[in-house]
Amino acid sequence: MPPKKSKLKIYSGSSHPALAKEIAKALKVKLSEMDIQRFANGEIYAKPMDTVRGCDVYVIQSASRNVNEDMMELFVMLDSFKRSFARSIHVVLPSYPYARQDRVATPREPISAKLMADLISAAGATHVITLSLHSGQTQGFFDSPVDNIHTHHLFVNYFKKKKLKDLVVVSPDAGGGKSAKRLAEPLGARLAIVNKMRPKHNKAVAHSIVGDVKGKTCILLDDMIDTGGSIIAAREALIKAGAKKDIYVAATHAVFSPPCVDRFKEAGFKEIVVTNSLPIPEAKKLKNLKQISVAPLIASVVKNVHEARSVTGIWK
């Protein structure tokens, strides 16, 4: 006989409750209640308010600007599910923390993306669902399964409606070339790459453009925008190379650390198109900011995983 299907339960940490509610609504399930508190010294307490014994638990927590607090809260939640006999524990982590630290670039550096994978697994996760990893190889840091959901089709659908002419999709660095290609091909656009140097953290210098952008409409595509330095440096390089001034930005993760919003107010982008993988408190300050919800996409993946069906076709 096939194993009996277990009950699906969705829980949310405190980093992005709005997204968790949207995902639960798309799944047509009630968001289960989690008791999360802080002791006087800042230590975190978390426990599910009802039984999870034998259940398939999905806990939604993103890595916001309070990334260390968010992750410690996640670890405590996972431990509570593990010790409460949950059948399986799936971490829905729309924005993976420490993703940029995925290799030793200079002597004595940590590989913090691997450390984060170890901590998530040790805390009790049996499966991770995430969006647009900074580096696909990060999946190899886990011993448990990882679903790295690509979001390019969300941007394809958005930009197709605009019917832009003479379009070029531009990666702000060589590492994003493959992602840029995923967006360019369905749009019938050409591909270009910015030759970028990063002399120090949160500092980018764009030297030249590989590809023809003269007289073209450009979409700058990146997996994340932190302080906005790389994207703005890339815009300046595109304008210098003769691209049209109506330049679009598309990015999955809108971290928007200060002074990103202030920079974008002055940058002159046509539109800044991002997903809601992270909360953006300052969204109202940017009139040209457009948000695409990832909740239906994540809900579809959760549903297929729970029903033991393939998830590959969802984002292809």
C-alpha atoms as a PDB file:
ATOM      1  CA  MET A   1       0.000   0.000   0.000  1.00  0.00           C
ATOM      2  CA  PRO A   2       1.245   3.573  -0.729  1.00  0.00           C
ATOM      3  CA  PRO A   3       2.109   5.632   2.359  1.00  0.00           C
ATOM      4  CA  LYS A   4      -0.727   7.673   3.801  1.00  0.00           C
ATOM      5  CA  LYS A   5      -0.609  11.317   2.754  1.00  0.00           C
ATOM      6  CA  SER A   6       0.343  13.538   5.688  1.00  0.00           C
ATOM      7  CA  LYS A   7      -1.190  16.875   6.620  1.00  0.00           C
ATOM      8  CA  LEU A   8       0.269  20.063   5.146  1.00  0.00           C
ATOM      9  CA  LYS A   9       1.005  22.896   7.572  1.00  0.00           C
ATOM     10  CA  ILE A  10       2.355  26.357   6.702  1.00  0.00           C
ATOM     11  CA  TYR A  11       4.176  28.454   9.301  1.00  0.00           C
ATOM     12  CA  SER A  12       5.739  31.896   9.072  1.00  0.00           C
ATOM     13  CA  GLY A  13       8.660  33.522  10.786  1.00  0.00           C
ATOM     14  CA  SER A  14       8.534  37.250  11.481  1.00  0.00           C
ATOM     15  CA  SER A  15      10.732  38.393   8.559  1.00  0.00           C
ATOM     16  CA  HIS A  16       8.041  38.511   5.847  1.00  0.00           C
ATOM     17  CA  PRO A  17       4.566  37.598   7.176  1.00  0.00           C
ATOM     18  CA  ALA A  18       2.791  39.313   4.261  1.00  0.00           C
ATOM     19  CA  LEU A  19       4.364  36.906   1.756  1.00  0.00           C
ATOM     20  CA  ALA A  20       3.585  33.908   3.988  1.00  0.00           C
ATOM     21  CA  LYS A  21      -0.095  34.921   4.147  1.00  0.00           C
ATOM     22  CA  GLU A  22      -0.189  35.310   0.382  1.00  0.00           C
ATOM     23  CA  ILE A  23       1.344  31.848  -0.144  1.00  0.00           C
ATOM     24  CA  ALA A  24      -1.101  30.246   2.311  1.00  0.00           C
ATOM     25  CA  LYS A  25      -4.017  31.965   0.556  1.00  0.00           C
ATOM     26  CA  ALA A  26      -2.828  30.664  -2.832  1.00  0.00           C
ATOM     27  CA  LEU A  27      -2.664  27.138  -1.353  1.00  0.00           C
ATOM     28  CA  LYS A  28      -6.119  27.594   0.193  1.00  0.00           C
ATOM     29  CA  VAL A  29      -4.843  26.596   3.626  1.00  0.00           C
ATOM     30  CA  LYS A  30      -4.875  28.460   6.895  1.00  0.00           C
ATOM     31  CA  LEU A  31      -1.528  29.822   8.115  1.00  0.00           C
ATOM     32  CA  SER A  32      -0.745  27.873  11.290  1.00  0.00           C
ATOM     33  CA  GLU A  33      -0.021  29.847  14.427  1.00  0.00           C
ATOM     34  CA  MET A  34       3.509  30.146  15.764  1.00  0.00           C
ATOM     35  CA  ASP A  35       4.347  31.599  19.163  1.00  0.00           C
ATOM     36  CA  ILE A  36       7.492  33.726  18.703  1.00  0.00           C
ATOM     37  CA  GLN A  37       8.805  35.807  21.573  1.00  0.00           C
ATOM     38  CA  ARG A  38      11.980  37.524  22.766  1.00  0.00           C
ATOM     39  CA  PHE A  39      13.442  37.191  26.238  1.00  0.00           C
ATOM     40  CA  ALA A  40      14.674  40.338  27.961  1.00  0.00           C
ATOM     41  CA  ASN A  41      18.240  39.716  26.748  1.00  0.00           C
ATOM     42  CA  GLY A  42      17.126  39.234  23.131  1.00  0.00           C
ATOM     43  CA  GLU A  43      17.137  35.429  23.045  1.00  0.00           C
ATOM     44  CA  ILE A  44      14.472  33.945  20.786  1.00  0.00           C
ATOM     45  CA  TYR A  45      11.661  31.607  21.816  1.00  0.00           C
ATOM     46  CA  ALA A  46       9.479  29.847  19.230  1.00  0.00           C
ATOM     47  CA  LYS A  47       7.004  26.976  19.221  1.00  0.00           C
ATOM     48  CA  PRO A  48       4.042  25.871  17.083  1.00  0.00           C
ATOM     49  CA  MET A  49       0.712  26.418  18.846  1.00  0.00           C
ATOM     50  CA  ASP A  50      -0.754  23.080  17.732  1.00  0.00           C
ATOM     51  CA  THR A  51       0.604  19.604  17.097  1.00  0.00           C
ATOM     52  CA  VAL A  52       2.843  18.926  14.100  1.00  0.00           C
ATOM     53  CA  ARG A  53       3.389  15.226  14.824  1.00  0.00           C
ATOM     54  CA  GLY A  54       3.410  13.348  11.513  1.00  0.00           C
ATOM     55  CA  CYS A  55       2.803  16.529   9.510  1.00  0.00           C
ATOM     56  CA  ASP A  56       4.639  17.978   6.510  1.00  0.00           C
ATOM     57  CA  VAL A  57       5.724  21.382   7.782  1.00  0.00           C
ATOM     58  CA  TYR A  58       6.631  24.303   5.520  1.00  0.00           C
ATOM     59  CA  VAL A  59       8.199  27.256   7.305  1.00  0.00           C
ATOM     60  CA  ILE A  60       8.499  30.548   5.406  1.00  0.00           C
ATOM     61  CA  GLN A  61      11.315  32.862   6.412  1.00  0.00           C
ATOM     62  CA  SER A  62      13.238  35.274   4.214  1.00  0.00           C
ATOM     63  CA  ALA A  63      16.599  36.919   4.864  1.00  0.00           C
ATOM     64  CA  SER A  64      15.680  40.569   5.350  1.00  0.00           C
ATOM     65  CA  ARG A  65      18.024  43.355   6.457  1.00  0.00           C
ATOM     66  CA  ASN A  66      17.912  41.814   9.933  1.00  0.00           C
ATOM     67  CA  VAL A  67      19.468  38.717   8.381  1.00  0.00           C
ATOM     68  CA  ASN A  68      21.211  37.373  11.485  1.00  0.00           C
ATOM     69  CA  GLU A  69      18.103  37.817  13.636  1.00  0.00           C
ATOM     70  CA  ASP A  70      15.961  36.211  10.935  1.00  0.00           C
ATOM     71  CA  MET A  71      18.211  33.184  10.653  1.00  0.00           C
ATOM     72  CA  MET A  72      18.525  32.605  14.396  1.00  0.00           C
ATOM     73  CA  GLU A  73      14.737  32.741  14.598  1.00  0.00           C
ATOM     74  CA  LEU A  74      14.535  30.185  11.774  1.00  0.00           C
ATOM     75  CA  PHE A  75      16.964  27.822  13.533  1.00  0.00           C
ATOM     76  CA  VAL A  76      14.911  27.920  16.748  1.00  0.00           C
ATOM     77  CA  MET A  77      11.707  27.282  14.783  1.00  0.00           C
ATOM     78  CA  LEU A  78      13.252  24.335  12.964  1.00  0.00           C
ATOM     79  CA  ASP A  79      14.468  22.823  16.226  1.00  0.00           C
ATOM     80  CA  SER A  80      10.970  23.095  17.688  1.00  0.00           C
ATOM     81  CA  PHE A  81       9.476  21.253  14.689  1.00  0.00           C
ATOM     82  CA  LYS A  82      12.181  18.579  14.809  1.00  0.00           C
ATOM     83  CA  ARG A  83      11.593  17.931  18.512  1.00  0.00           C
ATOM     84  CA  SER A  84       7.811  17.855  17.949  1.00  0.00           C
ATOM     85  CA  PHE A  85       8.031  14.870  15.554  1.00  0.00           C
ATOM     86  CA  ALA A  86       7.151  16.642  12.308  1.00  0.00           C
ATOM     87  CA  ARG A  87       7.248  14.101   9.465  1.00  0.00           C
ATOM     88  CA  SER A  88       9.213  16.469   7.190  1.00  0.00           C
ATOM     89  CA  ILE A  89      10.459  20.052   7.558  1.00  0.00           C
ATOM     90  CA  HIS A  90      10.636  22.172   4.413  1.00  0.00           C
ATOM     91  CA  VAL A  91      12.302  25.581   4.619  1.00  0.00           C
ATOM     92  CA  VAL A  92      10.887  28.115   2.168  1.00  0.00           C
ATOM     93  CA  LEU A  93      13.705  30.651   2.029  1.00  0.00           C
ATOM     94  CA  PRO A  94      12.881  33.078  -0.812  1.00  0.00           C
ATOM     95  CA  SER A  95      16.137  34.992  -0.317  1.00  0.00           C
ATOM     96  CA  TYR A  96      19.073  32.791   0.698  1.00  0.00           C
ATOM     97  CA  PRO A  97      21.367  34.497   3.257  1.00  0.00           C
ATOM     98  CA  TYR A  98      25.135  34.898   2.825  1.00  0.00           C
ATOM     99  CA  ALA A  99      24.720  33.760  -0.794  1.00  0.00           C
ATOM    100  CA  ARG A 100      27.525  35.998  -2.103  1.00  0.00           C
ATOM    101  CA  GLN A 101      30.119  34.312   0.117  1.00  0.00           C
ATOM    102  CA  ASP A 102      30.165  31.065  -1.862  1.00  0.00           C
ATOM    103  CA  ARG A 103      33.912  30.611  -2.450  1.00  0.00           C
ATOM    104  CA  VAL A 104      37.332  31.637  -1.179  1.00  0.00           C
ATOM    105  CA  ALA A 105      38.165  34.630  -3.396  1.00  0.00           C
ATOM    106  CA  THR A 106      41.093  35.869  -1.297  1.00  0.00           C
ATOM    107  CA  PRO A 107      43.178  34.036   1.335  1.00  0.00           C
ATOM    108  CA  ARG A 108      41.583  33.272   4.714  1.00  0.00           C
ATOM    109  CA  GLU A 109      38.001  34.041   3.638  1.00  0.00           C
ATOM    110  CA  PRO A 110      35.096  31.932   4.963  1.00  0.00           C
ATOM    111  CA  ILE A 111      32.608  30.156   2.719  1.00  0.00           C
ATOM    112  CA  SER A 112      29.629  31.500   4.630  1.00  0.00           C
ATOM    113  CA  ALA A 113      27.041  30.164   2.161  1.00  0.00           C
ATOM    114  CA  LYS A 114      28.228  26.645   3.070  1.00  0.00           C
ATOM    115  CA  LEU A 115      28.156  27.446   6.778  1.00  0.00           C
ATOM    116  CA  MET A 116      24.550  28.635   6.418  1.00  0.00           C
ATOM    117  CA  ALA A 117      23.620  25.379   4.651  1.00  0.00           C
ATOM    118  CA  ASP A 118      25.169  23.371   7.490  1.00  0.00           C
ATOM    119  CA  LEU A 119      23.278  25.357  10.127  1.00  0.00           C
ATOM    120  CA  ILE A 120      19.928  25.009   8.342  1.00  0.00           C
ATOM    121  CA  SER A 121      20.434  21.247   8.013  1.00  0.00           C
ATOM    122  CA  ALA A 122      21.637  20.819  11.598  1.00  0.00           C
ATOM    123  CA  ALA A 123      18.602  22.722  12.895  1.00  0.00           C
ATOM    124  CA  GLY A 124      16.307  20.161  11.275  1.00  0.00           C
ATOM    125  CA  ALA A 125      15.472  21.072   7.663  1.00  0.00           C
ATOM    126  CA  THR A 126      14.910  18.113   5.339  1.00  0.00           C
ATOM    127  CA  HIS A 127      14.348  20.195   2.184  1.00  0.00           C
ATOM    128  CA  VAL A 128      14.929  23.801   1.079  1.00  0.00           C
ATOM    129  CA  ILE A 129      12.975  25.862  -1.452  1.00  0.00           C
ATOM    130  CA  THR A 130      14.640  29.095  -2.542  1.00  0.00           C
ATOM    131  CA  LEU A 131      14.600  31.622  -5.384  1.00  0.00           C
ATOM    132  CA  SER A 132      17.348  32.587  -7.827  1.00  0.00           C
ATOM    133  CA  LEU A 133      20.441  31.581  -5.889  1.00  0.00           C
ATOM    134  CA  HIS A 134      23.418  33.897  -6.412  1.00  0.00           C
ATOM    135  CA  SER A 135      25.324  30.815  -7.526  1.00  0.00           C
ATOM    136  CA  GLY A 136      23.612  27.588  -8.534  1.00  0.00           C
ATOM    137  CA  GLN A 137      26.455  25.548  -7.048  1.00  0.00           C
ATOM    138  CA  THR A 138      25.232  26.554  -3.574  1.00  0.00           C
ATOM    139  CA  GLN A 139      22.758  23.660  -3.858  1.00  0.00           C
ATOM    140  CA  GLY A 140      25.759  21.350  -3.501  1.00  0.00           C
ATOM    141  CA  PHE A 141      26.430  22.686   0.006  1.00  0.00           C
ATOM    142  CA  PHE A 142      23.373  20.773   1.245  1.00  0.00           C
ATOM    143  CA  ASP A 143      23.115  17.026   1.803  1.00  0.00           C
ATOM    144  CA  SER A 144      19.316  17.333   1.589  1.00  0.00           C
ATOM    145  CA  PRO A 145      17.331  18.296  -1.564  1.00  0.00           C
ATOM    146  CA  VAL A 146      17.196  21.932  -2.680  1.00  0.00           C
ATOM    147  CA  ASP A 147      14.738  23.415  -5.177  1.00  0.00           C
ATOM    148  CA  ASN A 148      16.299  26.551  -6.663  1.00  0.00           C
ATOM    149  CA  ILE A 149      13.350  28.230  -8.397  1.00  0.00           C
ATOM    150  CA  HIS A 150      14.210  30.451 -11.352  1.00  0.00           C
ATOM    151  CA  THR A 151      12.120  33.613 -11.641  1.00  0.00           C
ATOM    152  CA  HIS A 152      13.037  34.654 -15.187  1.00  0.00           C
ATOM    153  CA  HIS A 153       9.620  33.702 -16.578  1.00  0.00           C
ATOM    154  CA  LEU A 154       7.978  36.240 -14.253  1.00  0.00           C
ATOM    155  CA  PHE A 155      10.062  38.967 -15.867  1.00  0.00           C
ATOM    156  CA  VAL A 156       9.505  37.513 -19.343  1.00  0.00           C
ATOM    157  CA  ASN A 157       5.732  37.795 -18.874  1.00  0.00           C
ATOM    158  CA  TYR A 158       6.067  41.333 -17.534  1.00  0.00           C
ATOM    159  CA  PHE A 159       8.294  42.679 -20.305  1.00  0.00           C
ATOM    160  CA  LYS A 160       6.479  40.877 -23.145  1.00  0.00           C
ATOM    161  CA  LYS A 161       3.429  43.016 -22.412  1.00  0.00           C
ATOM    162  CA  LYS A 162       5.490  46.160 -22.981  1.00  0.00           C
ATOM    163  CA  LYS A 163       6.434  45.136 -26.542  1.00  0.00           C
ATOM    164  CA  LEU A 164       9.799  46.888 -26.337  1.00  0.00           C
ATOM    165  CA  LYS A 165      11.769  47.316 -29.569  1.00  0.00           C
ATOM    166  CA  ASP A 166      15.520  46.872 -30.181  1.00  0.00           C
ATOM    167  CA  LEU A 167      15.877  45.145 -26.840  1.00  0.00           C
ATOM    168  CA  VAL A 168      19.108  44.048 -25.161  1.00  0.00           C
ATOM    169  CA  VAL A 169      19.253  42.167 -21.846  1.00  0.00           C
ATOM    170  CA  VAL A 170      22.372  43.184 -19.937  1.00  0.00           C
ATOM    171  CA  SER A 171      24.114  41.327 -17.130  1.00  0.00           C
ATOM    172  CA  PRO A 172      25.968  43.699 -14.763  1.00  0.00           C
ATOM    173  CA  ASP A 173      28.792  41.143 -14.495  1.00  0.00           C
ATOM    174  CA  ALA A 174      30.074  38.010 -16.224  1.00  0.00           C
ATOM    175  CA  GLY A 175      28.635  35.702 -13.569  1.00  0.00           C
ATOM    176  CA  GLY A 176      25.069  36.659 -14.461  1.00  0.00           C
ATOM    177  CA  GLY A 177      25.394  35.855 -18.152  1.00  0.00           C
ATOM    178  CA  LYS A 178      23.425  32.603 -17.969  1.00  0.00           C
ATOM    179  CA  SER A 179      20.524  34.249 -16.131  1.00  0.00           C
ATOM    180  CA  ALA A 180      20.494  37.100 -18.647  1.00  0.00           C
ATOM    181  CA  LYS A 181      20.309  34.568 -21.473  1.00  0.00           C
ATOM    182  CA  ARG A 182      17.244  32.932 -19.879  1.00  0.00           C
ATOM    183  CA  LEU A 183      15.470  36.303 -20.064  1.00  0.00           C
ATOM    184  CA  ALA A 184      16.828  37.391 -23.450  1.00  0.00           C
ATOM    185  CA  GLU A 185      15.865  34.329 -25.514  1.00  0.00           C
ATOM    186  CA  PRO A 186      12.086  34.317 -24.848  1.00  0.00           C
ATOM    187  CA  LEU A 187      11.999  38.084 -25.427  1.00  0.00           C
ATOM    188  CA  GLY A 188      13.879  37.785 -28.715  1.00  0.00           C
ATOM    189  CA  ALA A 189      16.488  40.158 -27.299  1.00  0.00           C
ATOM    190  CA  ARG A 190      20.238  40.341 -27.705  1.00  0.00           C
ATOM    191  CA  LEU A 191      22.664  39.806 -24.852  1.00  0.00           C
ATOM    192  CA  ALA A 192      25.346  42.086 -23.400  1.00  0.00           C
ATOM    193  CA  ILE A 193      27.621  41.907 -20.355  1.00  0.00           C
ATOM    194  CA  VAL A 194      29.216  44.659 -18.295  1.00  0.00           C
ATOM    195  CA  ASN A 195      32.916  44.220 -17.604  1.00  0.00           C
ATOM    196  CA  LYS A 196      32.874  45.062 -13.895  1.00  0.00           C
ATOM    197  CA  MET A 197      35.520  45.236 -11.185  1.00  0.00           C
ATOM    198  CA  ARG A 198      34.779  45.273  -7.453  1.00  0.00           C
ATOM    199  CA  PRO A 199      37.696  46.905  -5.581  1.00  0.00           C
ATOM    200  CA  LYS A 200      35.964  46.398  -2.209  1.00  0.00           C
ATOM    201  CA  HIS A 201      32.606  45.333  -0.688  1.00  0.00           C
ATOM    202  CA  ASN A 202      29.616  47.374  -1.947  1.00  0.00           C
ATOM    203  CA  LYS A 203      31.822  49.203  -4.444  1.00  0.00           C
ATOM    204  CA  ALA A 204      31.631  48.497  -8.188  1.00  0.00           C
ATOM    205  CA  VAL A 205      33.411  49.996 -11.190  1.00  0.00           C
ATOM    206  CA  ALA A 206      32.139  49.279 -14.721  1.00  0.00           C
ATOM    207  CA  HIS A 207      34.946  49.410 -17.298  1.00  0.00           C
ATOM    208  CA  SER A 208      33.319  48.431 -20.596  1.00  0.00           C
ATOM    209  CA  ILE A 209      30.416  46.674 -22.321  1.00  0.00           C
ATOM    210  CA  VAL A 210      30.705  43.359 -24.158  1.00  0.00           C
ATOM    211  CA  GLY A 211      27.998  43.482 -26.828  1.00  0.00           C
ATOM    212  CA  ASP A 212      26.227  46.067 -28.973  1.00  0.00           C
ATOM    213  CA  VAL A 213      23.944  48.414 -27.008  1.00  0.00           C
ATOM    214  CA  LYS A 214      24.154  51.554 -29.151  1.00  0.00           C
ATOM    215  CA  GLY A 215      20.664  52.923 -29.782  1.00  0.00           C
ATOM    216  CA  LYS A 216      19.113  49.963 -27.939  1.00  0.00           C
ATOM    217  CA  THR A 217      16.604  49.674 -25.099  1.00  0.00           C
ATOM    218  CA  CYS A 218      18.303  47.837 -22.224  1.00  0.00           C
ATOM    219  CA  ILE A 219      17.100  45.688 -19.360  1.00  0.00           C
ATOM    220  CA  LEU A 220      19.697  45.291 -16.609  1.00  0.00           C
ATOM    221  CA  LEU A 221      19.128  41.921 -14.924  1.00  0.00           C
ATOM    222  CA  ASP A 222      20.597  40.865 -11.577  1.00  0.00           C
ATOM    223  CA  ASP A 223      19.707  38.308  -8.924  1.00  0.00           C
ATOM    224  CA  MET A 224      19.790  40.917  -6.159  1.00  0.00           C
ATOM    225  CA  ILE A 225      20.172  44.640  -5.547  1.00  0.00           C
ATOM    226  CA  ASP A 226      21.847  45.586  -2.282  1.00  0.00           C
ATOM    227  CA  THR A 227      23.123  49.167  -2.172  1.00  0.00           C
ATOM    228  CA  GLY A 228      22.504  49.681  -5.894  1.00  0.00           C
ATOM    229  CA  GLY A 229      26.125  50.536  -6.711  1.00  0.00           C
ATOM    230  CA  SER A 230      26.628  47.828  -9.351  1.00  0.00           C
ATOM    231  CA  ILE A 231      23.388  48.557 -11.201  1.00  0.00           C
ATOM    232  CA  ILE A 232      23.971  52.309 -11.278  1.00  0.00           C
ATOM    233  CA  ALA A 233      27.577  51.853 -12.423  1.00  0.00           C
ATOM    234  CA  ALA A 234      26.287  49.550 -15.178  1.00  0.00           C
ATOM    235  CA  ARG A 235      23.698  52.154 -16.236  1.00  0.00           C
ATOM    236  CA  GLU A 236      26.388  54.799 -16.564  1.00  0.00           C
ATOM    237  CA  ALA A 237      28.486  52.437 -18.693  1.00  0.00           C
ATOM    238  CA  LEU A 238      25.489  51.696 -20.954  1.00  0.00           C
ATOM    239  CA  ILE A 239      24.723  55.387 -21.490  1.00  0.00           C
ATOM    240  CA  LYS A 240      28.380  56.003 -22.250  1.00  0.00           C
ATOM    241  CA  ALA A 241      28.249  53.181 -24.822  1.00  0.00           C
ATOM    242  CA  GLY A 242      25.309  54.827 -26.589  1.00  0.00           C
ATOM    243  CA  ALA A 243      22.302  52.948 -25.167  1.00  0.00           C
ATOM    244  CA  LYS A 244      18.933  54.671 -24.935  1.00  0.00           C
ATOM    245  CA  LYS A 245      18.350  56.448 -21.633  1.00  0.00           C
ATOM    246  CA  ASP A 246      15.153  54.475 -20.990  1.00  0.00           C
ATOM    247  CA  ILE A 247      16.928  51.675 -19.101  1.00  0.00           C
ATOM    248  CA  TYR A 248      14.968  49.083 -17.118  1.00  0.00           C
ATOM    249  CA  VAL A 249      16.168  47.133 -14.085  1.00  0.00           C
ATOM    250  CA  ALA A 250      14.956  43.633 -13.178  1.00  0.00           C
ATOM    251  CA  ALA A 251      16.025  41.809 -10.020  1.00  0.00           C
ATOM    252  CA  THR A 252      14.614  38.978  -7.911  1.00  0.00           C
ATOM    253  CA  HIS A 253      15.802  40.136  -4.494  1.00  0.00           C
ATOM    254  CA  ALA A 254      15.337  43.800  -3.564  1.00  0.00           C
ATOM    255  CA  VAL A 255      17.568  44.067  -0.488  1.00  0.00           C
ATOM    256  CA  PHE A 256      17.779  47.863  -0.928  1.00  0.00           C
ATOM    257  CA  SER A 257      20.278  48.573   1.850  1.00  0.00           C
ATOM    258  CA  PRO A 258      20.898  52.305   2.421  1.00  0.00           C
ATOM    259  CA  PRO A 259      21.667  54.385   0.417  1.00  0.00           C
ATOM    260  CA  CYS A 260      20.045  52.331  -2.394  1.00  0.00           C
ATOM    261  CA  VAL A 261      16.647  54.082  -2.421  1.00  0.00           C
ATOM    262  CA  ASP A 262      18.232  57.541  -2.378  1.00  0.00           C
ATOM    263  CA  ARG A 263      20.519  56.515  -5.234  1.00  0.00           C
ATOM    264  CA  PHE A 264      17.612  55.176  -7.271  1.00  0.00           C
ATOM    265  CA  LYS A 265      15.651  58.390  -6.828  1.00  0.00           C
ATOM    266  CA  GLU A 266      18.405  60.196  -8.724  1.00  0.00           C
ATOM    267  CA  ALA A 267      19.482  57.424 -11.120  1.00  0.00           C
ATOM    268  CA  GLY A 268      16.859  57.973 -13.813  1.00  0.00           C
ATOM    269  CA  PHE A 269      15.835  54.369 -14.523  1.00  0.00           C
ATOM    270  CA  LYS A 270      12.660  53.912 -16.570  1.00  0.00           C
ATOM    271  CA  GLU A 271      11.412  51.198 -14.222  1.00  0.00           C
ATOM    272  CA  ILE A 272      12.826  49.109 -11.384  1.00  0.00           C
ATOM    273  CA  VAL A 273      11.094  45.710 -11.536  1.00  0.00           C
ATOM    274  CA  VAL A 274      11.566  43.385  -8.553  1.00  0.00           C
ATOM    275  CA  THR A 275       9.763  40.537  -6.805  1.00  0.00           C
ATOM    276  CA  ASN A 276       8.383  40.538  -3.268  1.00  0.00           C
ATOM    277  CA  SER A 277      10.844  37.870  -2.088  1.00  0.00           C
ATOM    278  CA  LEU A 278      11.829  40.464   0.527  1.00  0.00           C
ATOM    279  CA  PRO A 279       9.811  43.193   2.258  1.00  0.00           C
ATOM    280  CA  ILE A 280      10.605  46.688   0.956  1.00  0.00           C
ATOM    281  CA  PRO A 281       9.582  49.278   3.587  1.00  0.00           C
ATOM    282  CA  GLU A 282      10.619  52.154   1.315  1.00  0.00           C
ATOM    283  CA  ALA A 283       8.720  50.927  -1.761  1.00  0.00           C
ATOM    284  CA  LYS A 284       6.384  53.925  -1.721  1.00  0.00           C
ATOM    285  CA  LYS A 285       9.344  56.294  -2.048  1.00  0.00           C
ATOM    286  CA  LEU A 286      10.143  55.030  -5.558  1.00  0.00           C
ATOM    287  CA  LYS A 287       7.414  55.903  -8.074  1.00  0.00           C
ATOM    288  CA  ASN A 288       9.079  53.803 -10.783  1.00  0.00           C
ATOM    289  CA  LEU A 289       9.277  50.645  -8.639  1.00  0.00           C
ATOM    290  CA  LYS A 290       7.159  47.696  -9.821  1.00  0.00           C
ATOM    291  CA  GLN A 291       6.717  44.539  -7.729  1.00  0.00           C
ATOM    292  CA  ILE A 292       5.863  41.066  -9.035  1.00  0.00           C
ATOM    293  CA  SER A 293       4.516  38.580  -6.502  1.00  0.00           C
ATOM    294  CA  VAL A 294       6.311  35.248  -6.139  1.00  0.00           C
ATOM    295  CA  ALA A 295       3.555  33.814  -3.931  1.00  0.00           C
ATOM    296  CA  PRO A 296       1.714  31.908  -6.726  1.00  0.00           C
ATOM    297  CA  LEU A 297       5.031  30.441  -7.918  1.00  0.00           C
ATOM    298  CA  ILE A 298       6.105  29.301  -4.443  1.00  0.00           C
ATOM    299  CA  ALA A 299       2.612  27.979  -3.697  1.00  0.00           C
ATOM    300  CA  SER A 300       2.722  25.851  -6.869  1.00  0.00           C
ATOM    301  CA  VAL A 301       6.090  24.392  -5.849  1.00  0.00           C
ATOM    302  CA  VAL A 302       4.876  23.642  -2.307  1.00  0.00           C
ATOM    303  CA  LYS A 303       1.730  21.966  -3.684  1.00  0.00           C
ATOM    304  CA  ASN A 304       3.700  19.776  -6.098  1.00  0.00           C
ATOM    305  CA  VAL A 305       6.268  18.797  -3.475  1.00  0.00           C
ATOM    306  CA  HIS A 306       3.531  17.860  -1.019  1.00  0.00           C
ATOM    307  CA  GLU A 307       1.775  15.786  -3.684  1.00  0.00           C
ATOM    308  CA  ALA A 308       5.071  14.131  -4.759  1.00  0.00           C
ATOM    309  CA  ARG A 309       4.910  15.631  -8.261  1.00  0.00           C
ATOM    310  CA  SER A 310       7.639  17.227 -10.354  1.00  0.00           C
ATOM    311  CA  VAL A 311       8.281  20.939  -9.904  1.00  0.00           C
ATOM    312  CA  THR A 312      10.559  21.439 -12.909  1.00  0.00           C
ATOM    313  CA  GLY A 313       7.885  22.483 -15.384  1.00  0.00           C
ATOM    314  CA  ILE A 314       6.528  25.191 -13.083  1.00  0.00           C
ATOM    315  CA  TRP A 315       9.196  27.770 -13.907  1.00  0.00           C
ATOM    316  CA  LYS A 316      10.382  26.625 -17.341  1.00  0.00           C
END
